[in-house]
Amino acid sequence: MFTPQQRREMLDLAITSIEAALRTGARPTPGQLPDYLQEWGASFVTLRRRGELLGCIGALEAYQPLGRDIATHAVAAAFDDPRFPPLDTLEGVHVEISVLGELIRLFVPEVGLVGRHAR
């Protein structure tokens, strides 16, 4: 879905957003973004160090441009995940970005009611 260059740009956006928040304490908003990052999109950003989860924040549905979504969730994963203390450094942190597609409604047939369809 995304080219290797686009993947690198998204990763760079997440990392620079966290770095800026570490440096200034402010929540940065991305500047001019490529067209594909200006389209609405939903993302999850996951942070790990040596395989250990440090934070994961995201959205299931798009409510803002993808670039802003990635930047917002990267900073939130670093500082706002209530399960973990805020990051104090990016050293050794692995950043993973999951971009979600459109939600699809699934039909799941009834498998039976307990006591009614039991054998």
N, C-alpha and C. Protein backbone atom coordinates (compact mmCIF):
# COMPACT_ATOMS: atom_id res chain seq x y z
N MET A 1 0.81 -1.19 0.00
CA MET A 1 0.00 0.00 0.00
C MET A 1 0.86 1.26 0.00
N PHE A 2 1.95 1.26 0.75
CA PHE A 2 2.84 2.41 0.80
C PHE A 2 4.21 2.00 0.25
N THR A 3 4.88 2.93 -0.39
CA THR A 3 6.22 2.67 -0.90
C THR A 3 7.21 2.68 0.26
N PRO A 4 8.40 2.12 0.06
CA PRO A 4 9.42 2.19 1.12
C PRO A 4 9.73 3.64 1.53
N GLN A 5 9.75 4.55 0.57
CA GLN A 5 10.01 5.96 0.90
C GLN A 5 8.89 6.54 1.77
N GLN A 6 7.65 6.24 1.43
CA GLN A 6 6.52 6.72 2.23
C GLN A 6 6.57 6.15 3.64
N ARG A 7 6.93 4.89 3.76
CA ARG A 7 7.05 4.26 5.09
C ARG A 7 8.11 4.97 5.91
N ARG A 8 9.22 5.30 5.25
CA ARG A 8 10.31 6.01 5.94
C ARG A 8 9.85 7.40 6.38
N GLU A 9 9.10 8.08 5.51
CA GLU A 9 8.59 9.41 5.85
C GLU A 9 7.64 9.35 7.06
N MET A 10 6.79 8.34 7.11
CA MET A 10 5.88 8.20 8.24
C MET A 10 6.65 7.92 9.53
N LEU A 11 7.65 7.06 9.43
CA LEU A 11 8.48 6.75 10.60
C LEU A 11 9.24 7.99 11.06
N ASP A 12 9.82 8.73 10.12
CA ASP A 12 10.52 9.97 10.46
C ASP A 12 9.59 10.97 11.14
N LEU A 13 8.35 11.07 10.65
CA LEU A 13 7.37 11.97 11.24
C LEU A 13 7.09 11.59 12.69
N ALA A 14 6.91 10.30 12.95
CA ALA A 14 6.65 9.84 14.32
C ALA A 14 7.83 10.14 15.23
N ILE A 15 9.03 9.83 14.76
CA ILE A 15 10.23 10.02 15.57
C ILE A 15 10.49 11.50 15.83
N THR A 16 10.41 12.33 14.81
CA THR A 16 10.66 13.76 15.02
C THR A 16 9.61 14.39 15.91
N SER A 17 8.39 13.90 15.87
CA SER A 17 7.33 14.42 16.75
C SER A 17 7.64 14.10 18.20
N ILE A 18 8.08 12.88 18.47
CA ILE A 18 8.45 12.50 19.84
C ILE A 18 9.67 13.28 20.29
N GLU A 19 10.67 13.39 19.41
CA GLU A 19 11.89 14.14 19.76
C GLU A 19 11.56 15.59 20.10
N ALA A 20 10.70 16.22 19.32
CA ALA A 20 10.31 17.61 19.58
C ALA A 20 9.60 17.73 20.92
N ALA A 21 8.73 16.78 21.23
CA ALA A 21 8.02 16.82 22.51
C ALA A 21 8.99 16.58 23.68
N LEU A 22 9.96 15.71 23.50
CA LEU A 22 10.97 15.50 24.53
C LEU A 22 11.78 16.77 24.77
N ARG A 23 12.13 17.45 23.69
CA ARG A 23 12.98 18.64 23.76
C ARG A 23 12.24 19.85 24.34
N THR A 24 10.99 20.05 23.91
CA THR A 24 10.30 21.30 24.24
C THR A 24 9.17 21.11 25.26
N GLY A 25 8.69 19.89 25.40
CA GLY A 25 7.53 19.65 26.25
C GLY A 25 6.22 20.00 25.57
N ALA A 26 6.29 20.54 24.37
CA ALA A 26 5.08 20.93 23.62
C ALA A 26 4.65 19.79 22.71
N ARG A 27 3.39 19.83 22.31
CA ARG A 27 2.83 18.86 21.37
C ARG A 27 2.95 19.45 19.97
N PRO A 28 3.92 18.99 19.19
CA PRO A 28 4.13 19.59 17.87
C PRO A 28 3.02 19.21 16.89
N THR A 29 2.76 20.10 15.94
CA THR A 29 1.87 19.78 14.83
C THR A 29 2.72 19.79 13.57
N PRO A 30 2.55 18.77 12.74
CA PRO A 30 3.39 18.70 11.54
C PRO A 30 3.13 19.86 10.60
N GLY A 31 4.17 20.26 9.89
CA GLY A 31 4.04 21.32 8.90
C GLY A 31 3.47 20.78 7.60
N GLN A 32 3.99 21.25 6.50
CA GLN A 32 3.54 20.81 5.19
C GLN A 32 3.86 19.33 5.00
N LEU A 33 2.87 18.58 4.59
CA LEU A 33 3.02 17.13 4.42
C LEU A 33 2.74 16.73 2.99
N PRO A 34 3.33 15.61 2.55
CA PRO A 34 3.01 15.09 1.21
C PRO A 34 1.51 14.80 1.10
N ASP A 35 1.02 14.77 -0.13
CA ASP A 35 -0.41 14.57 -0.37
C ASP A 35 -0.98 13.35 0.34
N TYR A 36 -0.28 12.22 0.29
CA TYR A 36 -0.83 11.00 0.89
C TYR A 36 -0.99 11.13 2.40
N LEU A 37 -0.21 11.99 3.05
CA LEU A 37 -0.35 12.20 4.49
C LEU A 37 -1.38 13.27 4.84
N GLN A 38 -1.89 13.95 3.81
CA GLN A 38 -2.94 14.93 4.03
C GLN A 38 -4.33 14.31 3.91
N GLU A 39 -4.40 13.10 3.38
CA GLU A 39 -5.67 12.38 3.30
C GLU A 39 -6.01 11.84 4.68
N TRP A 40 -7.29 11.79 4.99
CA TRP A 40 -7.69 11.28 6.30
C TRP A 40 -7.29 9.82 6.44
N GLY A 41 -6.80 9.48 7.63
CA GLY A 41 -6.39 8.12 7.89
C GLY A 41 -6.33 7.85 9.37
N ALA A 42 -6.33 6.58 9.72
CA ALA A 42 -6.26 6.15 11.11
C ALA A 42 -4.99 5.33 11.32
N SER A 43 -4.36 5.55 12.46
CA SER A 43 -3.11 4.85 12.74
C SER A 43 -3.02 4.46 14.21
N PHE A 44 -2.15 3.50 14.47
CA PHE A 44 -1.72 3.15 15.82
C PHE A 44 -0.21 3.28 15.82
N VAL A 45 0.34 3.84 16.88
CA VAL A 45 1.79 3.91 17.03
C VAL A 45 2.16 3.12 18.28
N THR A 46 3.08 2.17 18.10
CA THR A 46 3.52 1.30 19.18
C THR A 46 5.00 1.53 19.42
N LEU A 47 5.38 1.67 20.68
CA LEU A 47 6.77 1.88 21.07
C LEU A 47 7.24 0.71 21.91
N ARG A 48 8.43 0.19 21.58
CA ARG A 48 9.02 -0.93 22.34
C ARG A 48 10.51 -0.67 22.53
N ARG A 49 11.03 -1.23 23.60
CA ARG A 49 12.48 -1.24 23.83
C ARG A 49 12.85 -2.66 24.21
N ARG A 50 13.74 -3.26 23.43
CA ARG A 50 14.14 -4.67 23.64
C ARG A 50 12.92 -5.57 23.73
N GLY A 51 11.91 -5.30 22.89
CA GLY A 51 10.71 -6.11 22.82
C GLY A 51 9.66 -5.78 23.87
N GLU A 52 10.00 -4.97 24.85
CA GLU A 52 9.06 -4.62 25.93
C GLU A 52 8.21 -3.41 25.51
N LEU A 53 6.91 -3.56 25.66
CA LEU A 53 5.99 -2.49 25.29
C LEU A 53 6.18 -1.28 26.19
N LEU A 54 6.29 -0.10 25.56
CA LEU A 54 6.43 1.17 26.29
C LEU A 54 5.20 2.05 26.13
N GLY A 55 4.42 1.81 25.09
CA GLY A 55 3.23 2.62 24.85
C GLY A 55 2.63 2.26 23.51
N CYS A 56 1.31 2.38 23.42
CA CYS A 56 0.60 2.11 22.17
C CYS A 56 -0.71 2.90 22.21
N ILE A 57 -0.86 3.81 21.26
CA ILE A 57 -2.05 4.65 21.18
C ILE A 57 -2.45 4.75 19.72
N GLY A 58 -3.76 4.77 19.47
CA GLY A 58 -4.22 4.93 18.09
C GLY A 58 -5.72 5.10 18.02
N ALA A 59 -6.21 5.04 16.80
CA ALA A 59 -7.64 5.21 16.52
C ALA A 59 -8.07 4.15 15.52
N LEU A 60 -9.30 3.70 15.66
CA LEU A 60 -9.84 2.71 14.74
C LEU A 60 -10.41 3.34 13.48
N GLU A 61 -10.84 4.59 13.58
CA GLU A 61 -11.43 5.27 12.44
C GLU A 61 -10.74 6.61 12.23
N ALA A 62 -10.66 7.02 10.98
CA ALA A 62 -10.03 8.30 10.65
C ALA A 62 -10.87 9.47 11.14
N TYR A 63 -10.20 10.44 11.75
CA TYR A 63 -10.85 11.68 12.17
C TYR A 63 -9.99 12.91 11.91
N GLN A 64 -8.84 12.67 11.24
CA GLN A 64 -7.93 13.76 10.90
C GLN A 64 -6.99 13.27 9.80
N PRO A 65 -6.21 14.17 9.20
CA PRO A 65 -5.26 13.74 8.18
C PRO A 65 -4.26 12.72 8.76
N LEU A 66 -3.86 11.76 7.94
CA LEU A 66 -3.00 10.68 8.39
C LEU A 66 -1.70 11.19 9.02
N GLY A 67 -1.08 12.20 8.44
CA GLY A 67 0.17 12.73 9.00
C GLY A 67 -0.02 13.27 10.40
N ARG A 68 -1.08 14.02 10.61
CA ARG A 68 -1.38 14.55 11.94
C ARG A 68 -1.72 13.40 12.90
N ASP A 69 -2.43 12.39 12.39
CA ASP A 69 -2.80 11.23 13.20
C ASP A 69 -1.54 10.51 13.70
N ILE A 70 -0.59 10.29 12.81
CA ILE A 70 0.66 9.61 13.19
C ILE A 70 1.42 10.44 14.22
N ALA A 71 1.57 11.73 13.97
CA ALA A 71 2.30 12.60 14.90
C ALA A 71 1.62 12.63 16.27
N THR A 72 0.31 12.78 16.28
CA THR A 72 -0.46 12.84 17.53
C THR A 72 -0.34 11.54 18.32
N HIS A 73 -0.49 10.42 17.62
CA HIS A 73 -0.45 9.14 18.32
C HIS A 73 0.97 8.75 18.74
N ALA A 74 1.97 9.19 18.00
CA ALA A 74 3.35 8.93 18.41
C ALA A 74 3.65 9.62 19.74
N VAL A 75 3.28 10.88 19.84
CA VAL A 75 3.51 11.63 21.07
C VAL A 75 2.66 11.05 22.21
N ALA A 76 1.42 10.70 21.92
CA ALA A 76 0.55 10.13 22.94
C ALA A 76 1.09 8.77 23.43
N ALA A 77 1.61 7.95 22.52
CA ALA A 77 2.19 6.66 22.92
C ALA A 77 3.41 6.88 23.82
N ALA A 78 4.15 7.93 23.55
CA ALA A 78 5.37 8.21 24.32
C ALA A 78 5.07 8.80 25.70
N PHE A 79 3.98 9.55 25.82
CA PHE A 79 3.76 10.30 27.06
C PHE A 79 2.41 10.09 27.74
N ASP A 80 1.42 9.56 27.02
CA ASP A 80 0.06 9.54 27.57
C ASP A 80 -0.55 8.16 27.76
N ASP A 81 0.16 7.09 27.44
CA ASP A 81 -0.42 5.77 27.66
C ASP A 81 -0.46 5.54 29.17
N PRO A 82 -1.65 5.43 29.75
CA PRO A 82 -1.75 5.35 31.21
C PRO A 82 -1.14 4.09 31.82
N ARG A 83 -0.81 3.12 30.99
CA ARG A 83 -0.22 1.88 31.50
C ARG A 83 1.26 1.99 31.79
N PHE A 84 1.91 3.06 31.26
CA PHE A 84 3.36 3.16 31.33
C PHE A 84 3.81 4.56 31.71
N PRO A 85 5.00 4.68 32.31
CA PRO A 85 5.52 6.02 32.59
C PRO A 85 5.91 6.71 31.28
N PRO A 86 5.91 8.04 31.27
CA PRO A 86 6.31 8.77 30.06
C PRO A 86 7.76 8.46 29.69
N LEU A 87 8.05 8.49 28.40
CA LEU A 87 9.43 8.29 27.95
C LEU A 87 10.29 9.47 28.40
N ASP A 88 11.56 9.17 28.67
CA ASP A 88 12.50 10.25 28.94
C ASP A 88 13.61 10.30 27.89
N THR A 89 13.62 9.29 27.02
CA THR A 89 14.59 9.23 25.92
C THR A 89 14.06 8.31 24.83
N LEU A 90 14.52 8.54 23.62
CA LEU A 90 14.18 7.65 22.50
C LEU A 90 15.25 6.60 22.26
N GLU A 91 16.30 6.65 23.05
CA GLU A 91 17.41 5.73 22.87
C GLU A 91 16.92 4.28 22.98
N GLY A 92 17.20 3.50 21.94
CA GLY A 92 16.84 2.09 21.91
C GLY A 92 15.37 1.80 21.68
N VAL A 93 14.58 2.83 21.36
CA VAL A 93 13.14 2.64 21.17
C VAL A 93 12.85 2.26 19.72
N HIS A 94 12.08 1.20 19.55
CA HIS A 94 11.60 0.76 18.24
C HIS A 94 10.21 1.35 18.05
N VAL A 95 10.01 2.07 16.96
CA VAL A 95 8.73 2.71 16.66
C VAL A 95 8.05 1.93 15.54
N GLU A 96 6.81 1.52 15.79
CA GLU A 96 6.03 0.79 14.80
C GLU A 96 4.74 1.56 14.52
N ILE A 97 4.43 1.73 13.25
CA ILE A 97 3.21 2.43 12.85
C ILE A 97 2.32 1.46 12.08
N SER A 98 1.08 1.36 12.52
CA SER A 98 0.08 0.57 11.81
C SER A 98 -0.95 1.53 11.25
N VAL A 99 -1.12 1.51 9.92
CA VAL A 99 -2.14 2.34 9.28
C VAL A 99 -3.33 1.45 8.99
N LEU A 100 -4.47 1.85 9.50
CA LEU A 100 -5.67 1.05 9.36
C LEU A 100 -6.44 1.45 8.11
N GLY A 101 -7.02 0.45 7.47
CA GLY A 101 -7.87 0.70 6.32
C GLY A 101 -9.30 0.98 6.78
N GLU A 102 -10.17 1.09 5.82
CA GLU A 102 -11.57 1.32 6.10
C GLU A 102 -12.16 0.13 6.84
N LEU A 103 -13.00 0.42 7.82
CA LEU A 103 -13.65 -0.66 8.56
C LEU A 103 -14.62 -1.40 7.65
N ILE A 104 -14.67 -2.71 7.81
CA ILE A 104 -15.55 -3.53 7.00
C ILE A 104 -16.52 -4.27 7.92
N ARG A 105 -17.79 -4.18 7.63
CA ARG A 105 -18.80 -4.87 8.42
C ARG A 105 -18.78 -6.35 8.02
N LEU A 106 -18.72 -7.20 9.02
CA LEU A 106 -18.71 -8.64 8.79
C LEU A 106 -20.02 -9.25 9.26
N PHE A 107 -20.51 -10.21 8.52
CA PHE A 107 -21.69 -10.95 8.94
C PHE A 107 -21.20 -12.24 9.59
N VAL A 108 -21.60 -12.46 10.82
CA VAL A 108 -21.24 -13.67 11.54
C VAL A 108 -22.54 -14.40 11.84
N PRO A 109 -22.76 -15.54 11.20
CA PRO A 109 -24.02 -16.26 11.43
C PRO A 109 -24.11 -16.72 12.88
N GLU A 110 -25.34 -16.80 13.35
CA GLU A 110 -25.59 -17.26 14.71
C GLU A 110 -25.11 -18.70 14.81
N VAL A 111 -24.37 -19.00 15.86
CA VAL A 111 -23.84 -20.35 16.03
C VAL A 111 -24.69 -21.19 16.95
N GLY A 112 -25.74 -20.63 17.48
CA GLY A 112 -26.63 -21.39 18.36
C GLY A 112 -26.78 -20.71 19.69
N LEU A 113 -27.83 -21.03 20.37
CA LEU A 113 -28.09 -20.49 21.69
C LEU A 113 -27.89 -21.60 22.71
N VAL A 114 -27.21 -21.30 23.78
CA VAL A 114 -26.95 -22.28 24.82
C VAL A 114 -28.28 -22.76 25.38
N GLY A 115 -28.42 -24.06 25.52
CA GLY A 115 -29.65 -24.66 26.04
C GLY A 115 -30.70 -24.87 24.97
N ARG A 116 -30.53 -24.25 23.85
CA ARG A 116 -31.53 -24.38 22.80
C ARG A 116 -31.00 -25.22 21.64
N HIS A 117 -29.72 -25.07 21.38
CA HIS A 117 -29.12 -25.81 20.27
C HIS A 117 -28.03 -26.76 20.76
N ALA A 118 -28.05 -27.05 22.03
CA ALA A 118 -27.04 -27.97 22.58
C ALA A 118 -27.41 -29.40 22.23
N ARG A 119 -26.45 -30.22 22.11
CA ARG A 119 -26.68 -31.64 21.82
C ARG A 119 -26.49 -32.46 23.04
